[in-house]
Amino acid sequence: MVVYSDELCHYGIRGMRWGIRRYQNSDGSLTTAGRKRYSTGKHHSIFTRKKTISKVKTKPAEEKPKQKSVSEMSDAELNAFLNRKRLEQQYYQLMATPQKKSAVTKGKEMVGKALENAAQDTLTQIAKYAMAKSVNKVLGDNVVNAKVTDKEKEAKNK
């Protein structure tokens, strides 16, 4: 067996369990061994410090100024109040997060765009056909190649 002098082996403390402190109870209070250990030494001041009570006086709820009615306000107070409300509204409008569109709204938009594109294509084809037909009437037969519908084919064949 080879023993190295630069190794440090530590197997813990006998009987200790993970997450359990040696000198504290589960509620955080010190055990008798913990009180004895921390009564002297560098940890003494941490555990023996007295808690100070804040002596800052808070105003009771009754001392808060009540909001005046509109008839009791001066012009300057009313202007200040209205300006404040306008600024708050503008702030909330600017900072409002865009709401997610629902699936129904997205579907409606997609169908609307598809119908709009289809209608535009149909109107373009109708306009081309009508213009080609009128040019053929004026200049002669089949000068411009107009798409012939099924009804016109049947009429020519008869």
C-alpha atoms as a PDB file:
ATOM      1  CA  MET A   1       0.000   0.000   0.000  1.00  0.00           C
ATOM      2  CA  VAL A   2       1.343   3.397  -1.040  1.00  0.00           C
ATOM      3  CA  VAL A   3       0.583   6.419   1.121  1.00  0.00           C
ATOM      4  CA  TYR A   4       0.972   9.845  -0.409  1.00  0.00           C
ATOM      5  CA  SER A   5       1.796  12.750   1.837  1.00  0.00           C
ATOM      6  CA  ASP A   6      -0.104  15.314  -0.277  1.00  0.00           C
ATOM      7  CA  GLU A   7      -3.526  13.650   0.102  1.00  0.00           C
ATOM      8  CA  LEU A   8      -6.221  14.695   2.516  1.00  0.00           C
ATOM      9  CA  CYS A   9      -8.885  12.189   3.443  1.00  0.00           C
ATOM     10  CA  HIS A  10     -12.003  13.204   5.285  1.00  0.00           C
ATOM     11  CA  TYR A  11     -14.782  10.833   6.098  1.00  0.00           C
ATOM     12  CA  GLY A  12     -17.054  13.244   7.935  1.00  0.00           C
ATOM     13  CA  ILE A  13     -18.216  13.098  11.501  1.00  0.00           C
ATOM     14  CA  ARG A  14     -19.571   9.860  12.886  1.00  0.00           C
ATOM     15  CA  GLY A  15     -23.348   9.793  13.024  1.00  0.00           C
ATOM     16  CA  MET A  16     -23.838  12.979  11.000  1.00  0.00           C
ATOM     17  CA  ARG A  17     -26.533  12.995   8.341  1.00  0.00           C
ATOM     18  CA  TRP A  18     -26.818  15.189   5.269  1.00  0.00           C
ATOM     19  CA  GLY A  19     -28.701  18.439   5.888  1.00  0.00           C
ATOM     20  CA  ILE A  20     -28.706  18.131   9.664  1.00  0.00           C
ATOM     21  CA  ARG A  21     -26.755  20.749  11.568  1.00  0.00           C
ATOM     22  CA  ARG A  22     -24.693  19.830  14.583  1.00  0.00           C
ATOM     23  CA  TYR A  23     -25.646  22.646  16.916  1.00  0.00           C
ATOM     24  CA  GLN A  24     -29.166  23.567  15.768  1.00  0.00           C
ATOM     25  CA  ASN A  25     -32.608  22.104  16.106  1.00  0.00           C
ATOM     26  CA  SER A  26     -34.836  21.772  13.052  1.00  0.00           C
ATOM     27  CA  ASP A  27     -36.613  25.037  13.943  1.00  0.00           C
ATOM     28  CA  GLY A  28     -33.278  26.913  13.947  1.00  0.00           C
ATOM     29  CA  SER A  29     -32.888  27.270  17.702  1.00  0.00           C
ATOM     30  CA  LEU A  30     -29.577  26.244  19.256  1.00  0.00           C
ATOM     31  CA  THR A  31     -29.143  23.003  21.118  1.00  0.00           C
ATOM     32  CA  THR A  32     -27.488  23.008  24.533  1.00  0.00           C
ATOM     33  CA  ALA A  33     -24.176  22.094  22.877  1.00  0.00           C
ATOM     34  CA  GLY A  34     -24.699  24.897  20.400  1.00  0.00           C
ATOM     35  CA  ARG A  35     -25.408  27.440  23.147  1.00  0.00           C
ATOM     36  CA  LYS A  36     -22.278  26.345  24.943  1.00  0.00           C
ATOM     37  CA  ARG A  37     -20.196  26.506  21.738  1.00  0.00           C
ATOM     38  CA  TYR A  38     -21.425  29.924  20.608  1.00  0.00           C
ATOM     39  CA  SER A  39     -21.422  31.574  24.024  1.00  0.00           C
ATOM     40  CA  THR A  40     -17.730  32.366  23.564  1.00  0.00           C
ATOM     41  CA  GLY A  41     -15.466  32.910  20.601  1.00  0.00           C
ATOM     42  CA  LYS A  42     -15.918  34.670  17.299  1.00  0.00           C
ATOM     43  CA  HIS A  43     -19.582  33.640  16.916  1.00  0.00           C
ATOM     44  CA  HIS A  44     -20.580  35.084  20.279  1.00  0.00           C
ATOM     45  CA  SER A  45     -21.784  38.437  18.945  1.00  0.00           C
ATOM     46  CA  ILE A  46     -23.945  36.889  16.224  1.00  0.00           C
ATOM     47  CA  PHE A  47     -26.067  34.774  18.551  1.00  0.00           C
ATOM     48  CA  THR A  48     -26.239  37.066  21.573  1.00  0.00           C
ATOM     49  CA  ARG A  49     -27.139  40.259  19.761  1.00  0.00           C
ATOM     50  CA  LYS A  50     -30.325  41.870  21.018  1.00  0.00           C
ATOM     51  CA  LYS A  51     -32.934  42.673  18.460  1.00  0.00           C
ATOM     52  CA  THR A  52     -33.697  46.367  18.235  1.00  0.00           C
ATOM     53  CA  ILE A  53     -37.215  47.558  17.771  1.00  0.00           C
ATOM     54  CA  SER A  54     -37.673  50.255  15.205  1.00  0.00           C
ATOM     55  CA  LYS A  55     -38.848  53.475  16.808  1.00  0.00           C
ATOM     56  CA  VAL A  56     -40.050  55.018  13.572  1.00  0.00           C
ATOM     57  CA  LYS A  57     -43.591  56.140  14.042  1.00  0.00           C
ATOM     58  CA  THR A  58     -46.000  55.439  11.250  1.00  0.00           C
ATOM     59  CA  LYS A  59     -48.913  57.680  10.574  1.00  0.00           C
ATOM     60  CA  PRO A  60     -52.278  56.186  11.309  1.00  0.00           C
ATOM     61  CA  ALA A  61     -54.586  55.702   8.363  1.00  0.00           C
ATOM     62  CA  GLU A  62     -56.852  58.527   9.587  1.00  0.00           C
ATOM     63  CA  GLU A  63     -54.153  61.181   9.160  1.00  0.00           C
ATOM     64  CA  LYS A  64     -53.900  60.687   5.407  1.00  0.00           C
ATOM     65  CA  PRO A  65     -55.432  63.610   3.552  1.00  0.00           C
ATOM     66  CA  LYS A  66     -58.775  62.851   2.020  1.00  0.00           C
ATOM     67  CA  GLN A  67     -59.282  63.637  -1.651  1.00  0.00           C
ATOM     68  CA  LYS A  68     -61.142  66.884  -2.166  1.00  0.00           C
ATOM     69  CA  SER A  69     -64.209  67.093  -4.333  1.00  0.00           C
ATOM     70  CA  VAL A  70     -63.950  68.987  -7.622  1.00  0.00           C
ATOM     71  CA  SER A  71     -65.797  72.009  -6.243  1.00  0.00           C
ATOM     72  CA  GLU A  72     -63.345  72.262  -3.315  1.00  0.00           C
ATOM     73  CA  MET A  73     -60.216  72.166  -5.531  1.00  0.00           C
ATOM     74  CA  SER A  74     -58.481  75.282  -6.748  1.00  0.00           C
ATOM     75  CA  ASP A  75     -57.652  75.689 -10.442  1.00  0.00           C
ATOM     76  CA  ALA A  76     -54.000  74.808  -9.868  1.00  0.00           C
ATOM     77  CA  GLU A  77     -54.878  71.668  -7.905  1.00  0.00           C
ATOM     78  CA  LEU A  78     -57.373  70.563 -10.546  1.00  0.00           C
ATOM     79  CA  ASN A  79     -54.839  71.117 -13.354  1.00  0.00           C
ATOM     80  CA  ALA A  80     -52.191  69.181 -11.446  1.00  0.00           C
ATOM     81  CA  PHE A  81     -54.621  66.313 -10.843  1.00  0.00           C
ATOM     82  CA  LEU A  82     -55.716  66.144 -14.493  1.00  0.00           C
ATOM     83  CA  ASN A  83     -52.134  66.323 -15.776  1.00  0.00           C
ATOM     84  CA  ARG A  84     -51.179  63.475 -13.472  1.00  0.00           C
ATOM     85  CA  LYS A  85     -54.061  61.313 -14.697  1.00  0.00           C
ATOM     86  CA  ARG A  86     -53.198  62.033 -18.363  1.00  0.00           C
ATOM     87  CA  LEU A  87     -49.568  61.124 -17.778  1.00  0.00           C
ATOM     88  CA  GLU A  88     -50.562  57.872 -16.066  1.00  0.00           C
ATOM     89  CA  GLN A  89     -52.826  56.973 -19.004  1.00  0.00           C
ATOM     90  CA  GLN A  90     -50.058  57.667 -21.518  1.00  0.00           C
ATOM     91  CA  TYR A  91     -47.623  55.592 -19.487  1.00  0.00           C
ATOM     92  CA  TYR A  92     -49.972  52.612 -19.319  1.00  0.00           C
ATOM     93  CA  GLN A  93     -50.662  52.843 -23.064  1.00  0.00           C
ATOM     94  CA  LEU A  94     -46.954  52.884 -23.870  1.00  0.00           C
ATOM     95  CA  MET A  95     -46.024  50.127 -21.473  1.00  0.00           C
ATOM     96  CA  ALA A  96     -48.943  47.824 -22.247  1.00  0.00           C
ATOM     97  CA  THR A  97     -47.710  44.482 -23.496  1.00  0.00           C
ATOM     98  CA  PRO A  98     -49.249  43.429 -26.769  1.00  0.00           C
ATOM     99  CA  GLN A  99     -51.802  40.753 -26.136  1.00  0.00           C
ATOM    100  CA  LYS A 100     -51.449  37.471 -27.954  1.00  0.00           C
ATOM    101  CA  LYS A 101     -53.929  36.962 -30.739  1.00  0.00           C
ATOM    102  CA  SER A 102     -56.225  34.023 -30.329  1.00  0.00           C
ATOM    103  CA  ALA A 103     -56.262  31.195 -32.844  1.00  0.00           C
ATOM    104  CA  VAL A 104     -59.698  32.307 -34.085  1.00  0.00           C
ATOM    105  CA  THR A 105     -58.442  35.823 -34.803  1.00  0.00           C
ATOM    106  CA  LYS A 106     -55.411  34.459 -36.648  1.00  0.00           C
ATOM    107  CA  GLY A 107     -57.658  32.157 -38.673  1.00  0.00           C
ATOM    108  CA  LYS A 108     -59.979  34.998 -39.602  1.00  0.00           C
ATOM    109  CA  GLU A 109     -57.040  37.078 -40.779  1.00  0.00           C
ATOM    110  CA  MET A 110     -55.671  34.234 -42.913  1.00  0.00           C
ATOM    111  CA  VAL A 111     -59.051  33.527 -44.527  1.00  0.00           C
ATOM    112  CA  GLY A 112     -59.585  37.242 -45.156  1.00  0.00           C
ATOM    113  CA  LYS A 113     -56.209  37.554 -46.894  1.00  0.00           C
ATOM    114  CA  ALA A 114     -56.838  34.434 -48.989  1.00  0.00           C
ATOM    115  CA  LEU A 115     -60.264  35.698 -50.091  1.00  0.00           C
ATOM    116  CA  GLU A 116     -58.840  39.118 -50.880  1.00  0.00           C
ATOM    117  CA  ASN A 117     -56.092  37.606 -53.054  1.00  0.00           C
ATOM    118  CA  ALA A 118     -58.550  35.295 -54.836  1.00  0.00           C
ATOM    119  CA  ALA A 119     -60.963  38.162 -55.524  1.00  0.00           C
ATOM    120  CA  GLN A 120     -58.158  40.340 -56.854  1.00  0.00           C
ATOM    121  CA  ASP A 121     -56.961  37.572 -59.211  1.00  0.00           C
ATOM    122  CA  THR A 122     -60.502  36.938 -60.453  1.00  0.00           C
ATOM    123  CA  LEU A 123     -61.135  40.639 -61.132  1.00  0.00           C
ATOM    124  CA  THR A 124     -57.813  40.910 -62.981  1.00  0.00           C
ATOM    125  CA  GLN A 125     -58.711  37.948 -65.216  1.00  0.00           C
ATOM    126  CA  ILE A 126     -62.200  39.349 -65.920  1.00  0.00           C
ATOM    127  CA  ALA A 127     -60.758  42.738 -66.834  1.00  0.00           C
ATOM    128  CA  LYS A 128     -58.186  41.141 -69.192  1.00  0.00           C
ATOM    129  CA  TYR A 129     -60.895  39.049 -70.854  1.00  0.00           C
ATOM    130  CA  ALA A 130     -63.246  42.013 -71.305  1.00  0.00           C
ATOM    131  CA  MET A 131     -60.490  44.184 -72.778  1.00  0.00           C
ATOM    132  CA  ALA A 132     -59.358  41.425 -75.162  1.00  0.00           C
ATOM    133  CA  LYS A 133     -62.915  40.859 -76.312  1.00  0.00           C
ATOM    134  CA  SER A 134     -63.491  44.567 -77.007  1.00  0.00           C
ATOM    135  CA  VAL A 135     -60.178  44.829 -78.899  1.00  0.00           C
ATOM    136  CA  ASN A 136     -61.149  41.802 -81.005  1.00  0.00           C
ATOM    137  CA  LYS A 137     -64.494  43.427 -81.842  1.00  0.00           C
ATOM    138  CA  VAL A 138     -62.886  46.665 -82.970  1.00  0.00           C
ATOM    139  CA  LEU A 139     -59.870  45.286 -84.865  1.00  0.00           C
ATOM    140  CA  GLY A 140     -61.186  42.016 -86.101  1.00  0.00           C
ATOM    141  CA  ASP A 141     -61.504  38.433 -85.020  1.00  0.00           C
ATOM    142  CA  ASN A 142     -58.832  36.909 -82.707  1.00  0.00           C
ATOM    143  CA  VAL A 143     -56.295  39.744 -82.800  1.00  0.00           C
ATOM    144  CA  VAL A 144     -55.805  39.411 -79.022  1.00  0.00           C
ATOM    145  CA  ASN A 145     -55.959  35.924 -77.575  1.00  0.00           C
ATOM    146  CA  ALA A 146     -58.799  36.057 -75.072  1.00  0.00           C
ATOM    147  CA  LYS A 147     -59.525  33.036 -72.961  1.00  0.00           C
ATOM    148  CA  VAL A 148     -62.764  31.539 -74.193  1.00  0.00           C
ATOM    149  CA  THR A 149     -65.213  30.327 -71.603  1.00  0.00           C
ATOM    150  CA  ASP A 150     -67.085  27.047 -71.870  1.00  0.00           C
ATOM    151  CA  LYS A 151     -70.369  28.774 -72.800  1.00  0.00           C
ATOM    152  CA  GLU A 152     -68.766  30.580 -75.748  1.00  0.00           C
ATOM    153  CA  LYS A 153     -67.177  27.351 -77.012  1.00  0.00           C
ATOM    154  CA  GLU A 154     -70.576  25.687 -77.003  1.00  0.00           C
ATOM    155  CA  ALA A 155     -72.120  28.645 -78.832  1.00  0.00           C
ATOM    156  CA  LYS A 156     -69.436  28.563 -81.583  1.00  0.00           C
ATOM    157  CA  ASN A 157     -69.717  24.807 -82.028  1.00  0.00           C
ATOM    158  CA  LYS A 158     -73.484  24.944 -82.667  1.00  0.00           C
END
